[in-house]
Amino acid sequence: MYLDCVLREMFRFVPPGFGTVRILTVDDRLPSTGVELRKGDFMFIAIHNMGRDRRYWQGPVDPERFLVAGNDVNNNKAVSIPFGGGGHHQCIGQD
């Protein structure tokens, strides 16, 4: 169990890939800037940056953050996708 936490923290801080690319399937708008996004646009998701964003990950490297229940502000699963997230586009090396 603790080894899983160490691995999750390691992959959060140093992911196996820098990022991933997705193609938008619907028109959308970024809420913070109002930038319009169109269906068919390519989006780069910077996994490396997400795992180091201080808005979601406070403090030093700490495997024990993954032992806490899902409501911990220091454990945002939406910004910890070292293998590209879920679905059929995730990394085959995840398992």
PDB file of N, CA and C in Angstrom:
ATOM      1  N   MET A   1       0.825  -1.191   0.000  1.00  0.00           N
ATOM      2  CA  MET A   1       0.000   0.000   0.000  1.00  0.00           C
ATOM      3  C   MET A   1       0.872   1.259   0.000  1.00  0.00           C
ATOM      4  N   TYR A   2       1.862   1.304   0.897  1.00  0.00           N
ATOM      5  CA  TYR A   2       2.720   2.485   0.938  1.00  0.00           C
ATOM      6  C   TYR A   2       3.566   2.580  -0.326  1.00  0.00           C
ATOM      7  N   LEU A   3       3.994   1.433  -0.868  1.00  0.00           N
ATOM      8  CA  LEU A   3       4.752   1.444  -2.120  1.00  0.00           C
ATOM      9  C   LEU A   3       3.922   2.053  -3.248  1.00  0.00           C
ATOM     10  N   ASP A   4       2.614   1.762  -3.293  1.00  0.00           N
ATOM     11  CA  ASP A   4       1.727   2.386  -4.288  1.00  0.00           C
ATOM     12  C   ASP A   4       1.735   3.905  -4.140  1.00  0.00           C
ATOM     13  N   CYS A   5       1.726   4.389  -2.901  1.00  0.00           N
ATOM     14  CA  CYS A   5       1.753   5.837  -2.652  1.00  0.00           C
ATOM     15  C   CYS A   5       3.071   6.444  -3.126  1.00  0.00           C
ATOM     16  N   VAL A   6       4.172   5.747  -2.884  1.00  0.00           N
ATOM     17  CA  VAL A   6       5.475   6.234  -3.337  1.00  0.00           C
ATOM     18  C   VAL A   6       5.497   6.315  -4.856  1.00  0.00           C
ATOM     19  N   LEU A   7       4.992   5.295  -5.527  1.00  0.00           N
ATOM     20  CA  LEU A   7       4.970   5.296  -6.991  1.00  0.00           C
ATOM     21  C   LEU A   7       4.060   6.387  -7.543  1.00  0.00           C
ATOM     22  N   ARG A   8       2.900   6.572  -6.940  1.00  0.00           N
ATOM     23  CA  ARG A   8       1.992   7.628  -7.397  1.00  0.00           C
ATOM     24  C   ARG A   8       2.617   9.009  -7.240  1.00  0.00           C
ATOM     25  N   GLU A   9       3.302   9.228  -6.116  1.00  0.00           N
ATOM     26  CA  GLU A   9       3.958  10.518  -5.891  1.00  0.00           C
ATOM     27  C   GLU A   9       5.113  10.707  -6.869  1.00  0.00           C
ATOM     28  N   MET A  10       5.863   9.652  -7.123  1.00  0.00           N
ATOM     29  CA  MET A  10       6.967   9.742  -8.069  1.00  0.00           C
ATOM     30  C   MET A  10       6.454  10.065  -9.467  1.00  0.00           C
ATOM     31  N   PHE A  11       5.405   9.373  -9.910  1.00  0.00           N
ATOM     32  CA  PHE A  11       4.852   9.625 -11.238  1.00  0.00           C
ATOM     33  C   PHE A  11       4.140  10.979 -11.323  1.00  0.00           C
ATOM     34  N   ARG A  12       3.640  11.485 -10.201  1.00  0.00           N
ATOM     35  CA  ARG A  12       3.062  12.830 -10.192  1.00  0.00           C
ATOM     36  C   ARG A  12       4.157  13.864 -10.436  1.00  0.00           C
ATOM     37  N   PHE A  13       5.265  13.716  -9.738  1.00  0.00           N
ATOM     38  CA  PHE A  13       6.334  14.699  -9.805  1.00  0.00           C
ATOM     39  C   PHE A  13       7.205  14.530 -11.056  1.00  0.00           C
ATOM     40  N   VAL A  14       7.421  13.296 -11.484  1.00  0.00           N
ATOM     41  CA  VAL A  14       8.242  13.017 -12.667  1.00  0.00           C
ATOM     42  C   VAL A  14       7.479  12.021 -13.547  1.00  0.00           C
ATOM     43  N   PRO A  15       6.504  12.497 -14.330  1.00  0.00           N
ATOM     44  CA  PRO A  15       5.698  11.584 -15.151  1.00  0.00           C
ATOM     45  C   PRO A  15       6.529  10.964 -16.278  1.00  0.00           C
ATOM     46  N   PRO A  16       6.099   9.810 -16.776  1.00  0.00           N
ATOM     47  CA  PRO A  16       6.836   9.149 -17.857  1.00  0.00           C
ATOM     48  C   PRO A  16       6.817   9.928 -19.167  1.00  0.00           C
ATOM     49  N   GLY A  17       5.857  10.816 -19.342  1.00  0.00           N
ATOM     50  CA  GLY A  17       5.785  11.654 -20.545  1.00  0.00           C
ATOM     51  C   GLY A  17       5.536  13.090 -20.157  1.00  0.00           C
ATOM     52  N   PHE A  18       5.965  14.020 -21.011  1.00  0.00           N
ATOM     53  CA  PHE A  18       5.793  15.441 -20.699  1.00  0.00           C
ATOM     54  C   PHE A  18       4.349  15.882 -20.842  1.00  0.00           C
ATOM     55  N   GLY A  19       3.634  15.290 -21.793  1.00  0.00           N
ATOM     56  CA  GLY A  19       2.255  15.676 -22.012  1.00  0.00           C
ATOM     57  C   GLY A  19       1.567  14.750 -22.988  1.00  0.00           C
ATOM     58  N   THR A  20       0.335  15.092 -23.322  1.00  0.00           N
ATOM     59  CA  THR A  20      -0.455  14.303 -24.259  1.00  0.00           C
ATOM     60  C   THR A  20      -1.308  15.253 -25.107  1.00  0.00           C
ATOM     61  N   VAL A  21      -1.725  14.788 -26.265  1.00  0.00           N
ATOM     62  CA  VAL A  21      -2.540  15.609 -27.175  1.00  0.00           C
ATOM     63  C   VAL A  21      -3.930  14.993 -27.289  1.00  0.00           C
ATOM     64  N   ARG A  22      -4.942  15.826 -27.257  1.00  0.00           N
ATOM     65  CA  ARG A  22      -6.327  15.401 -27.450  1.00  0.00           C
ATOM     66  C   ARG A  22      -6.970  16.286 -28.513  1.00  0.00           C
ATOM     67  N   ILE A  23      -7.981  15.741 -29.178  1.00  0.00           N
ATOM     68  CA  ILE A  23      -8.745  16.492 -30.178  1.00  0.00           C
ATOM     69  C   ILE A  23     -10.119  16.778 -29.585  1.00  0.00           C
ATOM     70  N   LEU A  24     -10.527  18.047 -29.600  1.00  0.00           N
ATOM     71  CA  LEU A  24     -11.819  18.425 -29.029  1.00  0.00           C
ATOM     72  C   LEU A  24     -12.957  17.841 -29.851  1.00  0.00           C
ATOM     73  N   THR A  25     -13.964  17.343 -29.164  1.00  0.00           N
ATOM     74  CA  THR A  25     -15.125  16.758 -29.836  1.00  0.00           C
ATOM     75  C   THR A  25     -16.323  17.700 -29.840  1.00  0.00           C
ATOM     76  N   VAL A  26     -16.242  18.790 -29.066  1.00  0.00           N
ATOM     77  CA  VAL A  26     -17.309  19.805 -29.033  1.00  0.00           C
ATOM     78  C   VAL A  26     -16.681  21.193 -28.889  1.00  0.00           C
ATOM     79  N   ASP A  27     -17.416  22.218 -29.276  1.00  0.00           N
ATOM     80  CA  ASP A  27     -16.970  23.592 -29.041  1.00  0.00           C
ATOM     81  C   ASP A  27     -17.009  23.863 -27.540  1.00  0.00           C
ATOM     82  N   ASP A  28     -16.087  24.687 -27.077  1.00  0.00           N
ATOM     83  CA  ASP A  28     -16.033  25.001 -25.643  1.00  0.00           C
ATOM     84  C   ASP A  28     -15.355  26.357 -25.461  1.00  0.00           C
ATOM     85  N   ARG A  29     -15.271  26.796 -24.232  1.00  0.00           N
ATOM     86  CA  ARG A  29     -14.633  28.070 -23.899  1.00  0.00           C
ATOM     87  C   ARG A  29     -13.903  27.883 -22.578  1.00  0.00           C
ATOM     88  N   LEU A  30     -12.675  28.401 -22.485  1.00  0.00           N
ATOM     89  CA  LEU A  30     -11.932  28.339 -21.230  1.00  0.00           C
ATOM     90  C   LEU A  30     -12.556  29.309 -20.238  1.00  0.00           C
ATOM     91  N   PRO A  31     -12.928  28.829 -19.048  1.00  0.00           N
ATOM     92  CA  PRO A  31     -13.646  29.684 -18.110  1.00  0.00           C
ATOM     93  C   PRO A  31     -12.828  30.861 -17.581  1.00  0.00           C
ATOM     94  N   SER A  32     -11.532  30.680 -17.391  1.00  0.00           N
ATOM     95  CA  SER A  32     -10.744  31.752 -16.779  1.00  0.00           C
ATOM     96  C   SER A  32     -10.360  32.858 -17.757  1.00  0.00           C
ATOM     97  N   THR A  33     -10.231  32.533 -19.047  1.00  0.00           N
ATOM     98  CA  THR A  33      -9.776  33.537 -20.018  1.00  0.00           C
ATOM     99  C   THR A  33     -10.809  33.858 -21.086  1.00  0.00           C
ATOM    100  N   GLY A  34     -11.798  32.996 -21.269  1.00  0.00           N
ATOM    101  CA  GLY A  34     -12.802  33.212 -22.298  1.00  0.00           C
ATOM    102  C   GLY A  34     -12.348  32.811 -23.691  1.00  0.00           C
ATOM    103  N   VAL A  35     -11.187  32.185 -23.811  1.00  0.00           N
ATOM    104  CA  VAL A  35     -10.684  31.756 -25.114  1.00  0.00           C
ATOM    105  C   VAL A  35     -11.631  30.700 -25.692  1.00  0.00           C
ATOM    106  N   GLU A  36     -12.012  30.890 -26.954  1.00  0.00           N
ATOM    107  CA  GLU A  36     -12.926  29.952 -27.605  1.00  0.00           C
ATOM    108  C   GLU A  36     -12.149  28.773 -28.181  1.00  0.00           C
ATOM    109  N   LEU A  37     -12.681  27.583 -27.944  1.00  0.00           N
ATOM    110  CA  LEU A  37     -12.101  26.353 -28.456  1.00  0.00           C
ATOM    111  C   LEU A  37     -13.102  25.729 -29.418  1.00  0.00           C
ATOM    112  N   ARG A  38     -12.654  25.265 -30.542  1.00  0.00           N
ATOM    113  CA  ARG A  38     -13.538  24.718 -31.572  1.00  0.00           C
ATOM    114  C   ARG A  38     -13.380  23.208 -31.704  1.00  0.00           C
ATOM    115  N   LYS A  39     -14.480  22.558 -32.049  1.00  0.00           N
ATOM    116  CA  LYS A  39     -14.459  21.125 -32.312  1.00  0.00           C
ATOM    117  C   LYS A  39     -13.394  20.838 -33.379  1.00  0.00           C
ATOM    118  N   GLY A  40     -12.557  19.835 -33.127  1.00  0.00           N
ATOM    119  CA  GLY A  40     -11.487  19.477 -34.052  1.00  0.00           C
ATOM    120  C   GLY A  40     -10.141  20.101 -33.719  1.00  0.00           C
ATOM    121  N   ASP A  41     -10.134  21.088 -32.805  1.00  0.00           N
ATOM    122  CA  ASP A  41      -8.866  21.687 -32.379  1.00  0.00           C
ATOM    123  C   ASP A  41      -8.040  20.661 -31.604  1.00  0.00           C
ATOM    124  N   PHE A  42      -6.736  20.763 -31.728  1.00  0.00           N
ATOM    125  CA  PHE A  42      -5.826  19.930 -30.953  1.00  0.00           C
ATOM    126  C   PHE A  42      -5.491  20.650 -29.658  1.00  0.00           C
ATOM    127  N   MET A  43      -5.518  19.927 -28.552  1.00  0.00           N
ATOM    128  CA  MET A  43      -5.169  20.487 -27.247  1.00  0.00           C
ATOM    129  C   MET A  43      -3.997  19.695 -26.684  1.00  0.00           C
ATOM    130  N   PHE A  44      -2.998  20.400 -26.190  1.00  0.00           N
ATOM    131  CA  PHE A  44      -1.872  19.756 -25.524  1.00  0.00           C
ATOM    132  C   PHE A  44      -2.097  19.851 -24.025  1.00  0.00           C
ATOM    133  N   ILE A  45      -2.077  18.726 -23.351  1.00  0.00           N
ATOM    134  CA  ILE A  45      -2.237  18.680 -21.901  1.00  0.00           C
ATOM    135  C   ILE A  45      -0.852  18.447 -21.304  1.00  0.00           C
ATOM    136  N   ALA A  46      -0.341  19.429 -20.585  1.00  0.00           N
ATOM    137  CA  ALA A  46       1.007  19.372 -20.025  1.00  0.00           C
ATOM    138  C   ALA A  46       0.990  18.618 -18.695  1.00  0.00           C
ATOM    139  N   ILE A  47       1.105  17.299 -18.771  1.00  0.00           N
ATOM    140  CA  ILE A  47       1.061  16.445 -17.580  1.00  0.00           C
ATOM    141  C   ILE A  47       2.177  16.822 -16.608  1.00  0.00           C
ATOM    142  N   HIS A  48       3.337  17.120 -17.136  1.00  0.00           N
ATOM    143  CA  HIS A  48       4.470  17.501 -16.298  1.00  0.00           C
ATOM    144  C   HIS A  48       4.133  18.731 -15.453  1.00  0.00           C
ATOM    145  N   ASN A  49       3.532  19.737 -16.055  1.00  0.00           N
ATOM    146  CA  ASN A  49       3.173  20.964 -15.331  1.00  0.00           C
ATOM    147  C   ASN A  49       2.044  20.737 -14.339  1.00  0.00           C
ATOM    148  N   MET A  50       1.072  19.900 -14.694  1.00  0.00           N
ATOM    149  CA  MET A  50      -0.061  19.644 -13.804  1.00  0.00           C
ATOM    150  C   MET A  50       0.392  19.002 -12.499  1.00  0.00           C
ATOM    151  N   GLY A  51       1.358  18.119 -12.567  1.00  0.00           N
ATOM    152  CA  GLY A  51       1.842  17.449 -11.368  1.00  0.00           C
ATOM    153  C   GLY A  51       2.671  18.321 -10.458  1.00  0.00           C
ATOM    154  N   ARG A  52       3.038  19.513 -10.924  1.00  0.00           N
ATOM    155  CA  ARG A  52       3.837  20.436 -10.121  1.00  0.00           C
ATOM    156  C   ARG A  52       3.103  21.736  -9.806  1.00  0.00           C
ATOM    157  N   ASP A  53       1.852  21.839 -10.182  1.00  0.00           N
ATOM    158  CA  ASP A  53       1.073  23.060  -9.991  1.00  0.00           C
ATOM    159  C   ASP A  53       0.793  23.278  -8.505  1.00  0.00           C
ATOM    160  N   ARG A  54       1.286  24.370  -7.969  1.00  0.00           N
ATOM    161  CA  ARG A  54       1.160  24.644  -6.525  1.00  0.00           C
ATOM    162  C   ARG A  54      -0.260  24.946  -6.083  1.00  0.00           C
ATOM    163  N   ARG A  55      -1.156  25.186  -7.026  1.00  0.00           N
ATOM    164  CA  ARG A  55      -2.563  25.366  -6.647  1.00  0.00           C
ATOM    165  C   ARG A  55      -3.150  24.049  -6.139  1.00  0.00           C
ATOM    166  N   TYR A  56      -2.609  22.937  -6.584  1.00  0.00           N
ATOM    167  CA  TYR A  56      -3.149  21.623  -6.233  1.00  0.00           C
ATOM    168  C   TYR A  56      -2.207  20.786  -5.381  1.00  0.00           C
ATOM    169  N   TRP A  57      -0.924  21.019  -5.465  1.00  0.00           N
ATOM    170  CA  TRP A  57       0.068  20.197  -4.781  1.00  0.00           C
ATOM    171  C   TRP A  57       0.928  21.089  -3.898  1.00  0.00           C
ATOM    172  N   GLN A  58       0.605  21.158  -2.621  1.00  0.00           N
ATOM    173  CA  GLN A  58       1.368  21.970  -1.687  1.00  0.00           C
ATOM    174  C   GLN A  58       2.436  21.125  -1.007  1.00  0.00           C
ATOM    175  N   GLY A  59       3.515  21.779  -0.648  1.00  0.00           N
ATOM    176  CA  GLY A  59       4.567  21.129   0.126  1.00  0.00           C
ATOM    177  C   GLY A  59       5.534  20.325  -0.716  1.00  0.00           C
ATOM    178  N   PRO A  60       6.457  19.678  -0.039  1.00  0.00           N
ATOM    179  CA  PRO A  60       7.486  18.891  -0.731  1.00  0.00           C
ATOM    180  C   PRO A  60       6.931  17.560  -1.237  1.00  0.00           C
ATOM    181  N   VAL A  61       7.803  16.788  -1.825  1.00  0.00           N
ATOM    182  CA  VAL A  61       7.429  15.440  -2.262  1.00  0.00           C
ATOM    183  C   VAL A  61       6.980  14.670  -1.027  1.00  0.00           C
ATOM    184  N   ASP A  62       5.769  14.108  -1.067  1.00  0.00           N
ATOM    185  CA  ASP A  62       5.186  13.462   0.111  1.00  0.00           C
ATOM    186  C   ASP A  62       4.277  12.309  -0.308  1.00  0.00           C
ATOM    187  N   PRO A  63       4.782  11.072  -0.322  1.00  0.00           N
ATOM    188  CA  PRO A  63       3.948   9.930  -0.706  1.00  0.00           C
ATOM    189  C   PRO A  63       2.710   9.755   0.171  1.00  0.00           C
ATOM    190  N   GLU A  64       2.766  10.212   1.405  1.00  0.00           N
ATOM    191  CA  GLU A  64       1.643  10.019   2.327  1.00  0.00           C
ATOM    192  C   GLU A  64       0.408  10.828   1.948  1.00  0.00           C
ATOM    193  N   ARG A  65       0.558  11.792   1.041  1.00  0.00           N
ATOM    194  CA  ARG A  65      -0.617  12.552   0.588  1.00  0.00           C
ATOM    195  C   ARG A  65      -1.619  11.619  -0.090  1.00  0.00           C
ATOM    196  N   PHE A  66      -1.160  10.495  -0.631  1.00  0.00           N
ATOM    197  CA  PHE A  66      -2.040   9.559  -1.307  1.00  0.00           C
ATOM    198  C   PHE A  66      -2.681   8.555  -0.351  1.00  0.00           C
ATOM    199  N   LEU A  67      -2.335   8.604   0.926  1.00  0.00           N
ATOM    200  CA  LEU A  67      -2.990   7.767   1.929  1.00  0.00           C
ATOM    201  C   LEU A  67      -4.275   8.409   2.434  1.00  0.00           C
ATOM    202  N   VAL A  68      -4.419   9.728   2.226  1.00  0.00           N
ATOM    203  CA  VAL A  68      -5.562  10.505   2.723  1.00  0.00           C
ATOM    204  C   VAL A  68      -6.764  10.261   1.819  1.00  0.00           C
ATOM    205  N   ALA A  69      -7.947  10.349   2.390  1.00  0.00           N
ATOM    206  CA  ALA A  69      -9.190  10.174   1.628  1.00  0.00           C
ATOM    207  C   ALA A  69      -9.279  11.183   0.487  1.00  0.00           C
ATOM    208  N   GLY A  70     -10.127  10.906  -0.480  1.00  0.00           N
ATOM    209  CA  GLY A  70     -10.258  11.710  -1.691  1.00  0.00           C
ATOM    210  C   GLY A  70     -10.647  13.162  -1.498  1.00  0.00           C
ATOM    211  N   ASN A  71     -11.070  13.578  -0.290  1.00  0.00           N
ATOM    212  CA  ASN A  71     -11.474  14.965  -0.091  1.00  0.00           C
ATOM    213  C   ASN A  71     -10.313  15.873   0.318  1.00  0.00           C
ATOM    214  N   ASP A  72      -9.096  15.359   0.356  1.00  0.00           N
ATOM    215  CA  ASP A  72      -7.922  16.158   0.714  1.00  0.00           C
ATOM    216  C   ASP A  72      -7.599  17.137  -0.413  1.00  0.00           C
ATOM    217  N   VAL A  73      -7.405  18.404  -0.092  1.00  0.00           N
ATOM    218  CA  VAL A  73      -7.101  19.404  -1.126  1.00  0.00           C
ATOM    219  C   VAL A  73      -5.737  19.170  -1.756  1.00  0.00           C
ATOM    220  N   ASN A  74      -4.868  18.435  -1.098  1.00  0.00           N
ATOM    221  CA  ASN A  74      -3.544  18.152  -1.644  1.00  0.00           C
ATOM    222  C   ASN A  74      -3.532  16.886  -2.493  1.00  0.00           C
ATOM    223  N   ASN A  75      -4.675  16.322  -2.792  1.00  0.00           N
ATOM    224  CA  ASN A  75      -4.739  15.074  -3.541  1.00  0.00           C
ATOM    225  C   ASN A  75      -5.833  15.197  -4.605  1.00  0.00           C
ATOM    226  N   ASN A  76      -5.608  16.020  -5.587  1.00  0.00           N
ATOM    227  CA  ASN A  76      -6.585  16.239  -6.649  1.00  0.00           C
ATOM    228  C   ASN A  76      -6.309  15.266  -7.790  1.00  0.00           C
ATOM    229  N   LYS A  77      -7.114  14.223  -7.893  1.00  0.00           N
ATOM    230  CA  LYS A  77      -6.890  13.191  -8.900  1.00  0.00           C
ATOM    231  C   LYS A  77      -7.058  13.710 -10.330  1.00  0.00           C
ATOM    232  N   ALA A  78      -7.784  14.803 -10.507  1.00  0.00           N
ATOM    233  CA  ALA A  78      -7.976  15.354 -11.849  1.00  0.00           C
ATOM    234  C   ALA A  78      -6.689  15.941 -12.409  1.00  0.00           C
ATOM    235  N   VAL A  79      -5.747  16.316 -11.554  1.00  0.00           N
ATOM    236  CA  VAL A  79      -4.485  16.885 -12.034  1.00  0.00           C
ATOM    237  C   VAL A  79      -3.318  15.921 -11.854  1.00  0.00           C
ATOM    238  N   SER A  80      -3.615  14.676 -11.557  1.00  0.00           N
ATOM    239  CA  SER A  80      -2.565  13.660 -11.461  1.00  0.00           C
ATOM    240  C   SER A  80      -2.862  12.560 -12.466  1.00  0.00           C
ATOM    241  N   ILE A  81      -2.433  12.783 -13.705  1.00  0.00           N
ATOM    242  CA  ILE A  81      -2.669  11.802 -14.771  1.00  0.00           C
ATOM    243  C   ILE A  81      -1.352  11.490 -15.487  1.00  0.00           C
ATOM    244  N   PRO A  82      -0.391  10.878 -14.769  1.00  0.00           N
ATOM    245  CA  PRO A  82       0.929  10.659 -15.362  1.00  0.00           C
ATOM    246  C   PRO A  82       0.912   9.766 -16.600  1.00  0.00           C
ATOM    247  N   PHE A  83      -0.130   8.980 -16.772  1.00  0.00           N
ATOM    248  CA  PHE A  83      -0.200   8.083 -17.930  1.00  0.00           C
ATOM    249  C   PHE A  83      -1.249   8.546 -18.940  1.00  0.00           C
ATOM    250  N   GLY A  84      -1.638   9.804 -18.885  1.00  0.00           N
ATOM    251  CA  GLY A  84      -2.532  10.365 -19.886  1.00  0.00           C
ATOM    252  C   GLY A  84      -4.003  10.262 -19.579  1.00  0.00           C
ATOM    253  N   GLY A  85      -4.379   9.966 -18.362  1.00  0.00           N
ATOM    254  CA  GLY A  85      -5.784   9.888 -18.004  1.00  0.00           C
ATOM    255  C   GLY A  85      -6.364   8.513 -18.247  1.00  0.00           C
ATOM    256  N   GLY A  86      -7.647   8.457 -18.497  1.00  0.00           N
ATOM    257  CA  GLY A  86      -8.320   7.178 -18.660  1.00  0.00           C
ATOM    258  C   GLY A  86      -8.814   6.950 -20.072  1.00  0.00           C
ATOM    259  N   GLY A  87      -9.576   5.909 -20.217  1.00  0.00           N
ATOM    260  CA  GLY A  87     -10.147   5.600 -21.517  1.00  0.00           C
ATOM    261  C   GLY A  87      -9.184   4.882 -22.438  1.00  0.00           C
ATOM    262  N   HIS A  88      -9.537   4.824 -23.704  1.00  0.00           N
ATOM    263  CA  HIS A  88      -8.729   4.059 -24.645  1.00  0.00           C
ATOM    264  C   HIS A  88      -7.486   4.802 -25.115  1.00  0.00           C
ATOM    265  N   HIS A  89      -7.251   6.027 -24.654  1.00  0.00           N
ATOM    266  CA  HIS A  89      -6.059   6.783 -25.026  1.00  0.00           C
ATOM    267  C   HIS A  89      -4.982   6.760 -23.948  1.00  0.00           C
ATOM    268  N   GLN A  90      -5.206   6.040 -22.862  1.00  0.00           N
ATOM    269  CA  GLN A  90      -4.199   6.030 -21.801  1.00  0.00           C
ATOM    270  C   GLN A  90      -2.981   5.204 -22.230  1.00  0.00           C
ATOM    271  N   CYS A  91      -1.901   5.425 -21.551  1.00  0.00           N
ATOM    272  CA  CYS A  91      -0.634   4.770 -21.858  1.00  0.00           C
ATOM    273  C   CYS A  91      -0.722   3.256 -21.626  1.00  0.00           C
ATOM    274  N   ILE A  92      -0.212   2.480 -22.573  1.00  0.00           N
ATOM    275  CA  ILE A  92      -0.242   1.019 -22.406  1.00  0.00           C
ATOM    276  C   ILE A  92       0.716   0.562 -21.312  1.00  0.00           C
ATOM    277  N   GLY A  93       1.645   1.421 -20.891  1.00  0.00           N
ATOM    278  CA  GLY A  93       2.582   1.078 -19.828  1.00  0.00           C
ATOM    279  C   GLY A  93       2.033   1.277 -18.436  1.00  0.00           C
ATOM    280  N   GLN A  94       0.799   1.771 -18.320  1.00  0.00           N
ATOM    281  CA  GLN A  94       0.229   2.061 -17.015  1.00  0.00           C
ATOM    282  C   GLN A  94       0.144   0.824 -16.124  1.00  0.00           C
ATOM    283  N   ASP A  95      -0.284  -0.284 -16.668  1.00  0.00           N
ATOM    284  CA  ASP A  95      -0.444  -1.501 -15.865  1.00  0.00           C
ATOM    285  C   ASP A  95       0.891  -2.207 -15.694  1.00  0.00           C
TER     286      ASP A  95
END
